């Protein structure tokens, strides 16, 4: 589980579906990204970094925010 990614999404008041739409992926694909099952493309991590204004290394590897 990528706790920091989930926390960032929740703090932004967004659902998994909304983030998936932002990335242009299915909700299930985003759920797999958030759960840590998928590594996903660098471009999607860049987009998540921009969306949440948190470095992707923090979102990906659960360093403290």
PDB file of N, CA and C in Angstrom:
ATOM      1  N   UNK A   1       0.854  -1.186   0.000  1.00  0.00           N
ATOM      2  CA  UNK A   1       0.000   0.000   0.000  1.00  0.00           C
ATOM      3  C   UNK A   1       0.891   1.237   0.000  1.00  0.00           C
ATOM      4  N   UNK A   2       0.573   2.146  -0.880  1.00  0.00           N
ATOM      5  CA  UNK A   2       1.281   3.429  -0.904  1.00  0.00           C
ATOM      6  C   UNK A   2       0.455   4.410  -0.066  1.00  0.00           C
ATOM      7  N   UNK A   3       0.759   4.442   1.230  1.00  0.00           N
ATOM      8  CA  UNK A   3      -0.028   5.251   2.160  1.00  0.00           C
ATOM      9  C   UNK A   3       0.029   6.732   1.826  1.00  0.00           C
ATOM     10  N   UNK A   4       1.206   7.233   1.447  1.00  0.00           N
ATOM     11  CA  UNK A   4       1.320   8.659   1.156  1.00  0.00           C
ATOM     12  C   UNK A   4       0.494   9.052  -0.064  1.00  0.00           C
ATOM     13  N   UNK A   5       0.431   8.187  -1.056  1.00  0.00           N
ATOM     14  CA  UNK A   5      -0.380   8.466  -2.238  1.00  0.00           C
ATOM     15  C   UNK A   5      -1.853   8.510  -1.862  1.00  0.00           C
ATOM     16  N   UNK A   6      -2.292   7.554  -1.084  1.00  0.00           N
ATOM     17  CA  UNK A   6      -3.688   7.523  -0.635  1.00  0.00           C
ATOM     18  C   UNK A   6      -4.008   8.760   0.216  1.00  0.00           C
ATOM     19  N   UNK A   7      -3.118   9.094   1.138  1.00  0.00           N
ATOM     20  CA  UNK A   7      -3.337  10.263   1.995  1.00  0.00           C
ATOM     21  C   UNK A   7      -3.388  11.548   1.176  1.00  0.00           C
ATOM     22  N   UNK A   8      -2.509  11.669   0.182  1.00  0.00           N
ATOM     23  CA  UNK A   8      -2.500  12.868  -0.668  1.00  0.00           C
ATOM     24  C   UNK A   8      -3.822  12.994  -1.427  1.00  0.00           C
ATOM     25  N   UNK A   9      -4.307  11.873  -1.948  1.00  0.00           N
ATOM     26  CA  UNK A   9      -5.580  11.881  -2.673  1.00  0.00           C
ATOM     27  C   UNK A   9      -6.718  12.290  -1.747  1.00  0.00           C
ATOM     28  N   UNK A  10      -6.742  11.724  -0.559  1.00  0.00           N
ATOM     29  CA  UNK A  10      -7.807  12.043   0.389  1.00  0.00           C
ATOM     30  C   UNK A  10      -7.736  13.495   0.846  1.00  0.00           C
ATOM     31  N   UNK A  11      -6.540  14.002   1.103  1.00  0.00           N
ATOM     32  CA  UNK A  11      -6.383  15.412   1.501  1.00  0.00           C
ATOM     33  C   UNK A  11      -6.848  16.351   0.402  1.00  0.00           C
ATOM     34  N   UNK A  12      -6.688  15.914  -0.850  1.00  0.00           N
ATOM     35  CA  UNK A  12      -7.148  16.723  -1.988  1.00  0.00           C
ATOM     36  C   UNK A  12      -8.657  16.601  -2.187  1.00  0.00           C
ATOM     37  N   UNK A  13      -9.294  15.725  -1.416  1.00  0.00           N
ATOM     38  CA  UNK A  13     -10.735  15.547  -1.522  1.00  0.00           C
ATOM     39  C   UNK A  13     -11.150  14.843  -2.809  1.00  0.00           C
ATOM     40  N   UNK A  14     -10.271  13.994  -3.309  1.00  0.00           N
ATOM     41  CA  UNK A  14     -10.542  13.318  -4.575  1.00  0.00           C
ATOM     42  C   UNK A  14     -10.804  11.829  -4.354  1.00  0.00           C
ATOM     43  N   UNK A  15     -11.638  11.280  -5.219  1.00  0.00           N
ATOM     44  CA  UNK A  15     -11.877   9.844  -5.207  1.00  0.00           C
ATOM     45  C   UNK A  15     -10.857   9.156  -6.109  1.00  0.00           C
ATOM     46  N   UNK A  16     -10.774   7.851  -5.979  1.00  0.00           N
ATOM     47  CA  UNK A  16      -9.902   7.098  -6.879  1.00  0.00           C
ATOM     48  C   UNK A  16     -10.350   7.282  -8.323  1.00  0.00           C
ATOM     49  N   UNK A  17     -11.641   7.325  -8.536  1.00  0.00           N
ATOM     50  CA  UNK A  17     -12.172   7.506  -9.892  1.00  0.00           C
ATOM     51  C   UNK A  17     -11.732   8.851 -10.476  1.00  0.00           C
ATOM     52  N   UNK A  18     -11.777   9.906  -9.679  1.00  0.00           N
ATOM     53  CA  UNK A  18     -11.383  11.231 -10.159  1.00  0.00           C
ATOM     54  C   UNK A  18      -9.901  11.264 -10.535  1.00  0.00           C
ATOM     55  N   UNK A  19      -9.063  10.643  -9.721  1.00  0.00           N
ATOM     56  CA  UNK A  19      -7.638  10.622 -10.030  1.00  0.00           C
ATOM     57  C   UNK A  19      -7.392   9.776 -11.278  1.00  0.00           C
ATOM     58  N   UNK A  20      -8.092   8.666 -11.382  1.00  0.00           N
ATOM     59  CA  UNK A  20      -7.968   7.820 -12.575  1.00  0.00           C
ATOM     60  C   UNK A  20      -8.334   8.600 -13.834  1.00  0.00           C
ATOM     61  N   UNK A  21      -9.413   9.355 -13.779  1.00  0.00           N
ATOM     62  CA  UNK A  21      -9.816  10.165 -14.932  1.00  0.00           C
ATOM     63  C   UNK A  21      -8.764  11.216 -15.253  1.00  0.00           C
ATOM     64  N   UNK A  22      -8.186  11.830 -14.237  1.00  0.00           N
ATOM     65  CA  UNK A  22      -7.128  12.816 -14.430  1.00  0.00           C
ATOM     66  C   UNK A  22      -5.934  12.196 -15.161  1.00  0.00           C
ATOM     67  N   UNK A  23      -5.609  10.948 -14.791  1.00  0.00           N
ATOM     68  CA  UNK A  23      -4.475  10.261 -15.400  1.00  0.00           C
ATOM     69  C   UNK A  23      -4.818   9.644 -16.750  1.00  0.00           C
ATOM     70  N   UNK A  24      -6.108   9.469 -17.007  1.00  0.00           N
ATOM     71  CA  UNK A  24      -6.518   8.820 -18.245  1.00  0.00           C
ATOM     72  C   UNK A  24      -6.387   7.307 -18.192  1.00  0.00           C
ATOM     73  N   UNK A  25      -6.581   6.755 -16.989  1.00  0.00           N
ATOM     74  CA  UNK A  25      -6.535   5.307 -16.803  1.00  0.00           C
ATOM     75  C   UNK A  25      -7.851   4.861 -16.181  1.00  0.00           C
ATOM     76  N   UNK A  26      -8.059   3.551 -16.123  1.00  0.00           N
ATOM     77  CA  UNK A  26      -9.272   3.045 -15.485  1.00  0.00           C
ATOM     78  C   UNK A  26      -9.156   3.183 -13.969  1.00  0.00           C
ATOM     79  N   UNK A  27     -10.289   3.156 -13.318  1.00  0.00           N
ATOM     80  CA  UNK A  27     -10.289   3.215 -11.854  1.00  0.00           C
ATOM     81  C   UNK A  27      -9.518   2.021 -11.287  1.00  0.00           C
ATOM     82  N   UNK A  28      -9.702   0.850 -11.877  1.00  0.00           N
ATOM     83  CA  UNK A  28      -8.999  -0.344 -11.408  1.00  0.00           C
ATOM     84  C   UNK A  28      -7.485  -0.191 -11.552  1.00  0.00           C
ATOM     85  N   UNK A  29      -7.042   0.390 -12.640  1.00  0.00           N
ATOM     86  CA  UNK A  29      -5.607   0.617 -12.810  1.00  0.00           C
ATOM     87  C   UNK A  29      -5.094   1.549 -11.723  1.00  0.00           C
ATOM     88  N   UNK A  30      -5.841   2.630 -11.447  1.00  0.00           N
ATOM     89  CA  UNK A  30      -5.399   3.535 -10.389  1.00  0.00           C
ATOM     90  C   UNK A  30      -5.394   2.823  -9.036  1.00  0.00           C
ATOM     91  N   UNK A  31      -6.387   2.003  -8.768  1.00  0.00           N
ATOM     92  CA  UNK A  31      -6.411   1.258  -7.507  1.00  0.00           C
ATOM     93  C   UNK A  31      -5.163   0.399  -7.372  1.00  0.00           C
ATOM     94  N   UNK A  32      -4.722  -0.178  -8.471  1.00  0.00           N
ATOM     95  CA  UNK A  32      -3.511  -1.004  -8.447  1.00  0.00           C
ATOM     96  C   UNK A  32      -2.261  -0.158  -8.240  1.00  0.00           C
ATOM     97  N   UNK A  33      -2.257   1.055  -8.767  1.00  0.00           N
ATOM     98  CA  UNK A  33      -1.135   1.972  -8.518  1.00  0.00           C
ATOM     99  C   UNK A  33      -1.095   2.312  -7.034  1.00  0.00           C
ATOM    100  N   UNK A  34      -2.247   2.682  -6.491  1.00  0.00           N
ATOM    101  CA  UNK A  34      -2.318   3.095  -5.084  1.00  0.00           C
ATOM    102  C   UNK A  34      -1.988   1.936  -4.142  1.00  0.00           C
ATOM    103  N   UNK A  35      -2.357   0.731  -4.526  1.00  0.00           N
ATOM    104  CA  UNK A  35      -2.090  -0.424  -3.663  1.00  0.00           C
ATOM    105  C   UNK A  35      -0.634  -0.885  -3.747  1.00  0.00           C
ATOM    106  N   UNK A  36       0.095  -0.393  -4.758  1.00  0.00           N
ATOM    107  CA  UNK A  36       1.482  -0.790  -4.926  1.00  0.00           C
ATOM    108  C   UNK A  36       1.647  -1.971  -5.866  1.00  0.00           C
ATOM    109  N   UNK A  37       0.539  -2.457  -6.401  1.00  0.00           N
ATOM    110  CA  UNK A  37       0.591  -3.601  -7.309  1.00  0.00           C
ATOM    111  C   UNK A  37       1.214  -3.232  -8.654  1.00  0.00           C
ATOM    112  N   UNK A  38       0.974  -1.990  -9.120  1.00  0.00           N
ATOM    113  CA  UNK A  38       1.537  -1.497 -10.378  1.00  0.00           C
ATOM    114  C   UNK A  38       2.555  -0.413 -10.086  1.00  0.00           C
ATOM    115  N   UNK A  39       3.653  -0.430 -10.810  1.00  0.00           N
ATOM    116  CA  UNK A  39       4.642   0.641 -10.713  1.00  0.00           C
ATOM    117  C   UNK A  39       4.181   1.829 -11.548  1.00  0.00           C
ATOM    118  N   UNK A  40       3.677   1.552 -12.739  1.00  0.00           N
ATOM    119  CA  UNK A  40       3.103   2.533 -13.659  1.00  0.00           C
ATOM    120  C   UNK A  40       4.179   3.372 -14.329  1.00  0.00           C
ATOM    121  N   UNK A  41       3.756   4.114 -15.314  1.00  0.00           N
ATOM    122  CA  UNK A  41       4.641   4.921 -16.153  1.00  0.00           C
ATOM    123  C   UNK A  41       5.147   6.163 -15.426  1.00  0.00           C
ATOM    124  N   UNK A  42       6.338   6.575 -15.792  1.00  0.00           N
ATOM    125  CA  UNK A  42       6.914   7.788 -15.211  1.00  0.00           C
ATOM    126  C   UNK A  42       6.000   8.984 -15.473  1.00  0.00           C
ATOM    127  N   UNK A  43       5.386   9.041 -16.648  1.00  0.00           N
ATOM    128  CA  UNK A  43       4.512  10.174 -16.967  1.00  0.00           C
ATOM    129  C   UNK A  43       3.334  10.261 -16.001  1.00  0.00           C
ATOM    130  N   UNK A  44       2.819   9.125 -15.553  1.00  0.00           N
ATOM    131  CA  UNK A  44       1.732   9.157 -14.581  1.00  0.00           C
ATOM    132  C   UNK A  44       2.220   9.620 -13.218  1.00  0.00           C
ATOM    133  N   UNK A  45       3.431   9.223 -12.841  1.00  0.00           N
ATOM    134  CA  UNK A  45       3.990   9.708 -11.579  1.00  0.00           C
ATOM    135  C   UNK A  45       4.269  11.206 -11.654  1.00  0.00           C
ATOM    136  N   UNK A  46       4.709  11.682 -12.810  1.00  0.00           N
ATOM    137  CA  UNK A  46       4.894  13.127 -13.004  1.00  0.00           C
ATOM    138  C   UNK A  46       3.571  13.855 -12.829  1.00  0.00           C
ATOM    139  N   UNK A  47       2.503  13.293 -13.393  1.00  0.00           N
ATOM    140  CA  UNK A  47       1.175  13.912 -13.290  1.00  0.00           C
ATOM    141  C   UNK A  47       0.679  13.905 -11.851  1.00  0.00           C
ATOM    142  N   UNK A  48       0.914  12.815 -11.136  1.00  0.00           N
ATOM    143  CA  UNK A  48       0.497  12.752  -9.730  1.00  0.00           C
ATOM    144  C   UNK A  48       1.281  13.754  -8.884  1.00  0.00           C
ATOM    145  N   UNK A  49       2.557  13.896  -9.177  1.00  0.00           N
ATOM    146  CA  UNK A  49       3.393  14.879  -8.483  1.00  0.00           C
ATOM    147  C   UNK A  49       2.824  16.285  -8.696  1.00  0.00           C
ATOM    148  N   UNK A  50       2.449  16.592  -9.919  1.00  0.00           N
ATOM    149  CA  UNK A  50       1.869  17.902 -10.230  1.00  0.00           C
ATOM    150  C   UNK A  50       0.506  18.088  -9.575  1.00  0.00           C
ATOM    151  N   UNK A  51      -0.312  17.047  -9.620  1.00  0.00           N
ATOM    152  CA  UNK A  51      -1.664  17.126  -9.059  1.00  0.00           C
ATOM    153  C   UNK A  51      -1.634  17.391  -7.561  1.00  0.00           C
ATOM    154  N   UNK A  52      -0.805  16.650  -6.841  1.00  0.00           N
ATOM    155  CA  UNK A  52      -0.792  16.749  -5.380  1.00  0.00           C
ATOM    156  C   UNK A  52       0.303  17.664  -4.840  1.00  0.00           C
ATOM    157  N   UNK A  53       1.183  18.144  -5.723  1.00  0.00           N
ATOM    158  CA  UNK A  53       2.289  19.011  -5.325  1.00  0.00           C
ATOM    159  C   UNK A  53       3.156  18.359  -4.242  1.00  0.00           C
ATOM    160  N   UNK A  54       3.413  17.074  -4.450  1.00  0.00           N
ATOM    161  CA  UNK A  54       4.250  16.292  -3.546  1.00  0.00           C
ATOM    162  C   UNK A  54       5.236  15.520  -4.428  1.00  0.00           C
ATOM    163  N   UNK A  55       6.521  15.514  -4.088  1.00  0.00           N
ATOM    164  CA  UNK A  55       7.488  14.781  -4.915  1.00  0.00           C
ATOM    165  C   UNK A  55       7.086  13.321  -5.091  1.00  0.00           C
ATOM    166  N   UNK A  56       7.264  12.822  -6.292  1.00  0.00           N
ATOM    167  CA  UNK A  56       6.840  11.450  -6.570  1.00  0.00           C
ATOM    168  C   UNK A  56       7.604  10.424  -5.742  1.00  0.00           C
ATOM    169  N   UNK A  57       8.826  10.718  -5.360  1.00  0.00           N
ATOM    170  CA  UNK A  57       9.554   9.751  -4.520  1.00  0.00           C
ATOM    171  C   UNK A  57       8.834   9.566  -3.183  1.00  0.00           C
ATOM    172  N   UNK A  58       8.167  10.614  -2.712  1.00  0.00           N
ATOM    173  CA  UNK A  58       7.392  10.509  -1.478  1.00  0.00           C
ATOM    174  C   UNK A  58       6.115   9.714  -1.746  1.00  0.00           C
ATOM    175  N   UNK A  59       5.444  10.015  -2.851  1.00  0.00           N
ATOM    176  CA  UNK A  59       4.217   9.304  -3.187  1.00  0.00           C
ATOM    177  C   UNK A  59       4.477   7.817  -3.439  1.00  0.00           C
ATOM    178  N   UNK A  60       5.581   7.517  -4.087  1.00  0.00           N
ATOM    179  CA  UNK A  60       5.879   6.140  -4.473  1.00  0.00           C
ATOM    180  C   UNK A  60       6.434   5.287  -3.339  1.00  0.00           C
ATOM    181  N   UNK A  61       7.247   5.872  -2.511  1.00  0.00           N
ATOM    182  CA  UNK A  61       8.003   5.064  -1.560  1.00  0.00           C
ATOM    183  C   UNK A  61       7.661   5.328  -0.096  1.00  0.00           C
ATOM    184  N   UNK A  62       6.625   6.070   0.143  1.00  0.00           N
ATOM    185  CA  UNK A  62       6.121   6.308   1.499  1.00  0.00           C
ATOM    186  C   UNK A  62       7.115   6.948   2.454  1.00  0.00           C
ATOM    187  N   UNK A  63       7.929   7.861   1.918  1.00  0.00           N
ATOM    188  CA  UNK A  63       8.706   8.709   2.811  1.00  0.00           C
ATOM    189  C   UNK A  63       7.701   9.632   3.487  1.00  0.00           C
ATOM    190  N   UNK A  64       8.057  10.182   4.595  1.00  0.00           N
ATOM    191  CA  UNK A  64       7.132  11.073   5.302  1.00  0.00           C
ATOM    192  C   UNK A  64       6.906  12.346   4.526  1.00  0.00           C
ATOM    193  N   UNK A  65       5.661  12.800   4.517  1.00  0.00           N
ATOM    194  CA  UNK A  65       5.280  14.044   3.831  1.00  0.00           C
ATOM    195  C   UNK A  65       5.713  15.225   4.687  1.00  0.00           C
TER     196      UNK A  65
END
